[in-house]
Protein backbone atom coordinates (compact mmCIF):
# COMPACT_ATOMS: atom_id res chain seq x y z
CA MET A 1 -29.94 4.84 -17.40
CA GLU A 2 -26.28 5.84 -17.55
CA ASN A 3 -26.41 6.61 -13.81
CA GLY A 4 -27.29 2.97 -13.13
CA VAL A 5 -24.20 1.81 -15.04
CA GLN A 6 -21.99 4.36 -13.29
CA ASP A 7 -23.25 3.21 -9.89
CA TRP A 8 -22.50 -0.36 -10.94
CA LEU A 9 -18.89 0.67 -11.58
CA HIS A 10 -18.44 1.99 -8.02
CA GLN A 11 -17.23 -1.30 -6.58
CA CYS A 12 -14.13 -3.44 -6.97
CA SER A 13 -14.50 -7.06 -7.97
CA LEU A 14 -11.58 -9.43 -8.58
CA PRO A 15 -13.02 -12.72 -9.90
CA ASP A 16 -11.74 -16.22 -9.20
CA SER A 17 -8.12 -16.99 -10.18
CA THR A 18 -7.12 -13.35 -10.65
CA GLU A 19 -3.35 -12.95 -10.41
CA LEU A 20 -1.01 -10.00 -10.18
CA GLN A 21 2.35 -11.27 -11.37
CA GLU A 22 5.21 -10.02 -13.50
CA HIS A 23 3.72 -6.50 -13.41
CA THR A 24 0.47 -7.65 -15.06
CA LEU A 25 -3.01 -8.08 -13.55
CA LYS A 26 -4.34 -11.25 -15.22
CA THR A 27 -7.79 -12.78 -15.47
CA GLU A 28 -9.71 -14.98 -17.89
CA ARG A 29 -12.76 -12.72 -17.56
CA ASN A 30 -13.59 -9.33 -19.05
CA VAL A 31 -11.89 -6.30 -17.47
CA ILE A 32 -13.60 -2.94 -16.86
CA VAL A 33 -11.60 0.04 -15.56
CA GLY A 34 -13.49 3.12 -14.36
CA ASP A 35 -12.50 6.66 -15.30
CA ARG A 36 -9.49 8.55 -13.90
CA CYS A 37 -7.63 5.48 -12.67
CA THR A 38 -3.86 5.18 -12.44
CA ILE A 39 -2.54 1.62 -12.77
CA ASP A 40 1.21 1.04 -12.60
CA TYR A 41 1.13 -2.32 -14.37
CA GLY A 42 -0.44 -4.02 -17.37
CA LEU A 43 -3.77 -5.77 -17.89
CA LYS A 44 -4.53 -9.13 -19.46
CA GLY A 45 -8.04 -10.47 -19.94
CA ASN A 46 -10.79 -11.29 -22.43
CA ASP A 47 -12.51 -8.03 -23.43
CA ILE A 48 -10.82 -5.01 -21.83
CA ILE A 49 -12.71 -1.73 -21.39
CA VAL A 50 -10.98 1.40 -20.09
CA CYS A 51 -12.99 4.55 -19.33
CA GLU A 52 -11.84 8.16 -19.76
CA PHE A 53 -8.67 9.83 -18.42
CA CYS A 54 -6.92 6.65 -17.27
CA THR A 55 -3.17 6.02 -17.20
CA LEU A 56 -1.86 2.45 -17.57
CA ASN A 57 1.88 2.02 -17.04
CA GLY A 58 2.06 -1.37 -18.72
CA SER A 59 0.82 -3.31 -21.72
CA VAL A 60 -2.80 -4.22 -22.48
CA ILE A 61 -3.29 -7.75 -23.83
CA ALA A 62 -6.80 -8.91 -24.74
CA ASP A 63 -8.08 -12.27 -25.99
CA GLY A 64 -11.17 -10.41 -27.26
CA ASP A 65 -11.89 -6.71 -27.94
CA VAL A 66 -10.30 -3.61 -26.45
CA ARG A 67 -12.13 -0.31 -25.89
CA ILE A 68 -10.06 2.62 -24.62
CA ASP A 69 -12.03 5.82 -24.08
CA ASN A 70 -11.03 9.47 -24.60
CA TRP A 71 -7.75 10.91 -23.30
CA CYS A 72 -6.31 7.70 -21.88
CA GLU A 73 -2.59 6.92 -21.91
CA VAL A 74 -0.96 3.49 -22.19
CA ASN A 75 2.78 3.31 -21.47
CA GLY A 76 3.21 -0.04 -23.20
CA ASP A 77 1.90 -2.12 -26.08
CA VAL A 78 -1.74 -2.86 -26.87
CA ILE A 79 -2.21 -6.38 -28.28
CA VAL A 80 -5.76 -7.26 -29.36
CA ALA A 81 -6.95 -10.67 -30.61
CA GLU A 82 -10.17 -9.23 -32.08
CA ASP A 83 -11.36 -5.62 -32.60
CA ALA A 84 -10.05 -2.38 -31.06
CA TYR A 85 -11.81 0.94 -30.40
CA LEU A 86 -9.72 3.99 -29.46
CA GLY A 87 -11.37 7.26 -28.43
CA GLU A 88 -10.21 10.82 -28.99
CA GLY A 89 -6.78 11.79 -27.69
CA VAL A 90 -5.65 8.28 -26.71
CA LYS A 91 -1.86 7.89 -26.43
CA ILE A 92 -0.13 4.53 -26.81
CA HIS A 93 3.61 4.71 -26.20
CA GLY A 94 4.26 1.24 -27.61
CA ARG A 95 2.90 -0.77 -30.54
CA LEU A 96 -0.74 -1.40 -31.40
CA VAL A 97 -1.43 -4.85 -32.89
CA VAL A 98 -5.04 -5.65 -33.82
CA GLN A 99 -6.08 -8.94 -35.37
CA GLY A 100 -9.53 -7.62 -36.29
CA ASP A 101 -10.99 -4.19 -37.15
CA LEU A 102 -9.77 -0.86 -35.76
CA ASP A 103 -11.99 2.16 -35.00
CA ILE A 104 -9.85 5.14 -34.12
CA GLY A 105 -10.81 8.66 -32.99
CA ASP A 106 -9.17 12.04 -33.55
CA ASN A 107 -5.73 13.01 -32.24
CA VAL A 108 -4.67 9.46 -31.39
CA LEU A 109 -0.92 8.99 -30.90
CA ILE A 110 0.79 5.61 -31.37
CA ASP A 111 4.54 5.95 -30.86
CA ARG A 112 5.77 2.67 -32.34
CA GLY A 113 3.25 2.21 -35.13
CA PHE A 114 0.26 -0.08 -35.54
CA GLU A 115 -0.85 -3.16 -37.42
CA ALA A 116 -4.50 -4.01 -38.09
CA LYS A 117 -5.51 -7.02 -40.19
CA GLY A 118 -9.13 -5.92 -40.60
CA TRP A 119 -10.87 -2.67 -41.59
CA ILE A 120 -9.56 0.66 -40.29
CA SER A 121 -12.11 3.43 -39.63
CA ILE A 122 -10.99 6.91 -38.58
CA ARG A 123 -13.92 8.21 -36.57
CA ASN A 124 -15.01 8.66 -32.98
CA PRO A 125 -16.38 5.26 -31.91
CA MET A 126 -19.31 4.67 -29.55
CA PRO A 127 -18.61 6.22 -26.12
CA VAL A 128 -17.57 3.60 -23.59
CA ILE A 129 -20.38 4.49 -21.15
CA VAL A 130 -22.95 3.75 -23.89
CA TYR A 131 -21.20 0.49 -24.70
CA LEU A 132 -21.23 -0.43 -21.00
CA LEU A 133 -24.99 0.15 -20.91
CA VAL A 134 -25.39 -2.42 -23.68
CA TYR A 135 -22.86 -4.70 -21.96
CA VAL A 136 -24.70 -4.63 -18.62
CA MET A 137 -28.07 -5.27 -20.31
CA THR A 138 -26.56 -8.30 -22.04
CA LEU A 139 -24.85 -9.50 -18.86
CA LEU A 140 -28.07 -9.32 -16.87
CA LYS A 141 -30.18 -10.69 -19.72
CA ILE A 142 -32.63 -7.79 -19.74
CA GLU A 143 -34.34 -6.23 -22.74
CA GLU A 144 -35.76 -2.90 -21.52
CA ASN A 145 -33.56 0.01 -20.40
CA GLY A 146 -36.02 0.82 -17.62
CA ASP A 147 -35.27 -2.48 -15.87
CA ILE A 148 -31.51 -2.00 -15.55
CA GLU A 149 -31.42 -0.18 -12.18
CA LYS A 150 -33.73 -2.76 -10.60
CA ALA A 151 -31.61 -5.60 -12.00
CA LEU A 152 -28.40 -4.02 -10.70
CA ALA A 153 -29.95 -3.56 -7.25
CA GLU A 154 -30.94 -7.21 -7.19
CA LEU A 155 -27.54 -8.33 -8.46
CA PHE A 156 -25.53 -6.48 -5.81
CA GLY A 157 -28.15 -6.57 -3.09
CA GLU A 158 -29.80 -9.73 -1.86
CA ASP A 159 -29.53 -11.86 -5.00
CA GLU A 160 -25.91 -12.05 -6.09
CA GLU A 161 -26.44 -15.07 -8.33
CA GLU A 162 -28.59 -13.19 -10.85
CA CYS A 163 -26.05 -13.23 -13.68
CA GLY A 164 -23.88 -16.18 -12.63
CA GLU A 165 -20.46 -16.06 -11.01
CA ASP A 166 -18.75 -17.13 -14.25
CA GLU A 167 -19.95 -13.97 -16.05
CA MET A 168 -18.87 -11.26 -13.63
CA PRO A 169 -15.98 -9.13 -14.96
CA LEU A 170 -12.95 -7.81 -13.16
CA LEU A 171 -14.10 -4.34 -12.06
CA ILE A 172 -11.82 -1.48 -10.99
CA PRO A 173 -13.84 1.54 -9.79
CA PRO A 174 -13.20 5.17 -10.82
CA ASN A 175 -10.35 7.15 -9.22
CA SER A 176 -8.45 4.02 -8.14
CA SER A 177 -4.69 4.01 -7.65
CA LEU A 178 -3.00 0.65 -8.15
CA ASN A 179 0.70 -0.14 -7.97
CA MET A 180 2.97 -2.95 -6.76
CA LYS A 181 2.89 -1.53 -3.21
CA VAL A 182 -0.71 -0.36 -2.75
CA PHE A 183 -4.02 -1.55 -4.26
CA ALA A 184 -6.30 1.32 -3.18
CA VAL A 185 -9.95 1.74 -4.18
CA GLN A 186 -12.66 4.05 -2.86
CA ALA A 187 -15.31 1.33 -2.84
CA PRO A 188 -16.15 -2.10 -1.39
CA MET A 189 -13.84 -4.84 -2.68
CA SER A 190 -14.54 -8.51 -3.26
CA ILE A 191 -11.72 -10.95 -4.04
CA GLY A 192 -12.60 -14.35 -5.48
CA ASN A 193 -11.27 -17.85 -4.88
CA GLY A 194 -7.78 -18.95 -5.83
CA CYS A 195 -6.40 -15.43 -6.37
CA ARG A 196 -2.78 -14.37 -5.95
CA LEU A 197 -2.19 -10.66 -5.33
CA HIS A 198 0.76 -8.42 -4.46
CA GLY A 199 0.30 -5.11 -2.66
CA ASN A 200 -1.30 -3.59 0.41
CA ILE A 201 -5.07 -3.55 -0.10
CA ARG A 202 -7.08 -0.50 0.94
CA ALA A 203 -10.86 -0.37 0.46
CA ASP A 204 -14.16 0.58 2.10
CA SER A 205 -14.72 -3.09 2.97
CA VAL A 206 -13.01 -6.33 1.89
CA GLU A 207 -14.39 -9.81 1.26
CA VAL A 208 -11.82 -12.49 0.38
CA GLY A 209 -12.72 -15.90 -1.05
CA THR A 210 -11.11 -19.27 -0.37
CA ASP A 211 -7.56 -20.46 -1.09
CA THR A 212 -6.30 -16.96 -1.94
CA THR A 213 -2.82 -15.57 -1.22
CA ILE A 214 -2.26 -11.87 -0.55
CA PHE A 215 1.31 -10.60 -0.29
CA GLY A 216 0.49 -7.46 1.66
CA SER A 217 -1.79 -6.07 4.34
CA LEU A 218 -5.58 -5.63 4.36
CA ARG A 219 -7.12 -2.40 5.64
CA ALA A 220 -10.78 -1.39 5.41
CA GLN A 221 -12.98 1.40 6.70
CA GLY A 222 -15.65 -1.24 7.35
CA ALA A 223 -15.74 -5.00 7.76
CA ILE A 224 -13.28 -7.63 6.51
CA ASP A 225 -14.26 -11.23 5.77
CA ILE A 226 -11.50 -13.74 4.97
CA GLY A 227 -12.47 -17.13 3.49
CA ARG A 228 -11.05 -20.59 4.16
CA GLN A 229 -7.42 -21.53 3.47
CA THR A 230 -6.44 -17.97 2.62
CA MET A 231 -3.02 -16.62 3.57
CA VAL A 232 -2.33 -12.95 4.25
CA HIS A 233 1.33 -11.90 4.40
CA GLY A 234 0.71 -8.77 6.45
CA LYS A 235 -1.50 -6.95 8.92
CA VAL A 236 -5.31 -7.09 8.85
CA GLU A 237 -7.06 -3.96 10.09
CA GLY A 238 -10.79 -3.22 9.94
CA ARG A 239 -12.78 -0.54 11.78
CA GLU A 240 -15.73 -2.92 12.07
CA THR A 241 -15.86 -6.72 12.50
CA VAL A 242 -13.12 -8.90 11.03
CA SER A 243 -14.18 -12.50 10.31
CA VAL A 244 -11.51 -15.17 9.81
CA ALA A 245 -12.51 -18.63 8.55
CA GLU A 246 -10.88 -22.00 9.19
CA ARG A 247 -7.32 -22.72 8.07
CA VAL A 248 -6.64 -19.06 7.39
CA ARG A 249 -3.15 -17.87 8.27
CA ILE A 250 -2.38 -14.21 8.92
CA LEU A 251 1.33 -13.39 9.11
CA GLY A 252 0.81 -10.17 11.03
CA ASP A 253 -1.36 -8.40 13.58
CA VAL A 254 -5.16 -8.24 13.52
CA VAL A 255 -6.86 -5.02 14.61
CA ALA A 256 -10.66 -4.70 14.63
CA SER A 257 -13.56 -3.46 16.69
CA SER A 258 -14.49 -7.14 17.11
CA LEU A 259 -13.08 -10.39 15.77
CA VAL A 260 -14.78 -13.63 14.73
CA LEU A 261 -12.01 -16.24 14.59
CA HIS A 262 -12.28 -19.91 13.66
CA GLU A 263 -10.52 -22.21 16.11
CA ASN A 264 -8.40 -23.65 13.27
CA ALA A 265 -7.25 -20.25 12.00
CA HIS A 266 -3.80 -18.95 12.93
CA VAL A 267 -2.69 -15.40 13.63
CA ASP A 268 1.06 -14.90 13.97
CA GLY A 269 0.86 -11.39 15.40
CA THR A 270 -1.04 -9.60 18.14
CA ILE A 271 -4.84 -9.41 18.26
CA ARG A 272 -6.51 -6.15 19.33
CA ALA A 273 -10.31 -6.20 19.42
CA PRO A 274 -11.82 -3.84 22.04
CA GLN A 275 -15.32 -5.26 21.62
CA GLY A 276 -14.16 -8.85 22.02
CA VAL A 277 -13.10 -11.98 20.17
CA ARG A 278 -15.55 -14.76 19.35
CA ILE A 279 -14.11 -18.21 18.66
CA THR A 280 -16.11 -20.40 16.27
CA ARG A 281 -16.01 -24.06 15.33
CA ASN A 282 -17.52 -25.08 11.97
CA GLY A 283 -19.79 -22.06 11.99
CA GLU A 284 -20.87 -22.56 15.62
CA LYS A 285 -19.88 -20.26 18.44
CA VAL A 286 -17.46 -21.68 21.04
CA SER A 287 -17.07 -18.63 23.27
CA ASP A 288 -17.74 -14.89 23.33
CA GLU A 289 -15.39 -13.99 26.17
CA THR A 290 -11.67 -14.21 25.55
CA THR A 291 -8.41 -13.06 26.98
CA HIS A 292 -5.20 -12.51 25.04
CA ASP A 293 -1.88 -14.18 25.66
CA PRO A 294 0.51 -11.18 25.62
CA GLY A 295 3.32 -13.39 24.39
CA THR A 296 1.68 -14.78 21.26
CA GLY A 297 -1.29 -12.53 20.66
CA GLN A 298 -3.48 -15.63 20.37
CA PRO A 299 -6.86 -15.56 22.11
CA GLU A 300 -7.59 -18.05 24.86
CA ILE A 301 -11.08 -19.41 25.47
CA CYS A 302 -12.32 -18.41 28.91
């Protein structure tokens, strides 16, 4: 069943109201970081789970528990409101402050000392992948291990409401590289409503919710879908269809195989869509055939 959990991790999900500000990625949800990620800023969330061989160049601040798996490195403080679990070989180059219990593995290095108000156990805690199996079963409200792959397929296939939008964590897939310039993942990415992000986003595909602000460009190997009232301070480039909803503003060029553009959306740059631009009005098609004004890049209805 571990394969089902690992497959579940191979996506990027930024829930509603996620913000990247002051060198910290902030959410009120749980945070799960896949293995071998490099993140050049800190994390703040409820429970924070970091898989093996990750490097975080910032502080980790959790309102709940923190689990950091084997051979991870944190170039900052780790502040935990409840319990902390550190695997073998973890390095923390700041302080560790734990309000609850601390389970700590072998060869853990904490440069500036630690404080734990609860019990301290020196042992190798439960591997993170096993903990995630339990976490996913709880999240999806299932009791038998054999049902987990089916439940995950339903959750991320046709029925995305299976576990409720308010329960989905912030997910960063394995082998991701995140910094203040580039937010690059090797997986599909979904960005929720009311988010505020800095950096050029690179993903297999991108779906953006409503009323979100992105200070950077969007580039995807597949499709891009941008929800209402979102503002993108940069170029939007997708190799498949790019869909732009009403009252979206893009402060850059749009490049796609085809473009679906709401009549009340605004593109400041040039539009290039070899397979055509379709203008829509409140979900209804206005026209399939368009020409481009070479001066403004805006499509004109034929």
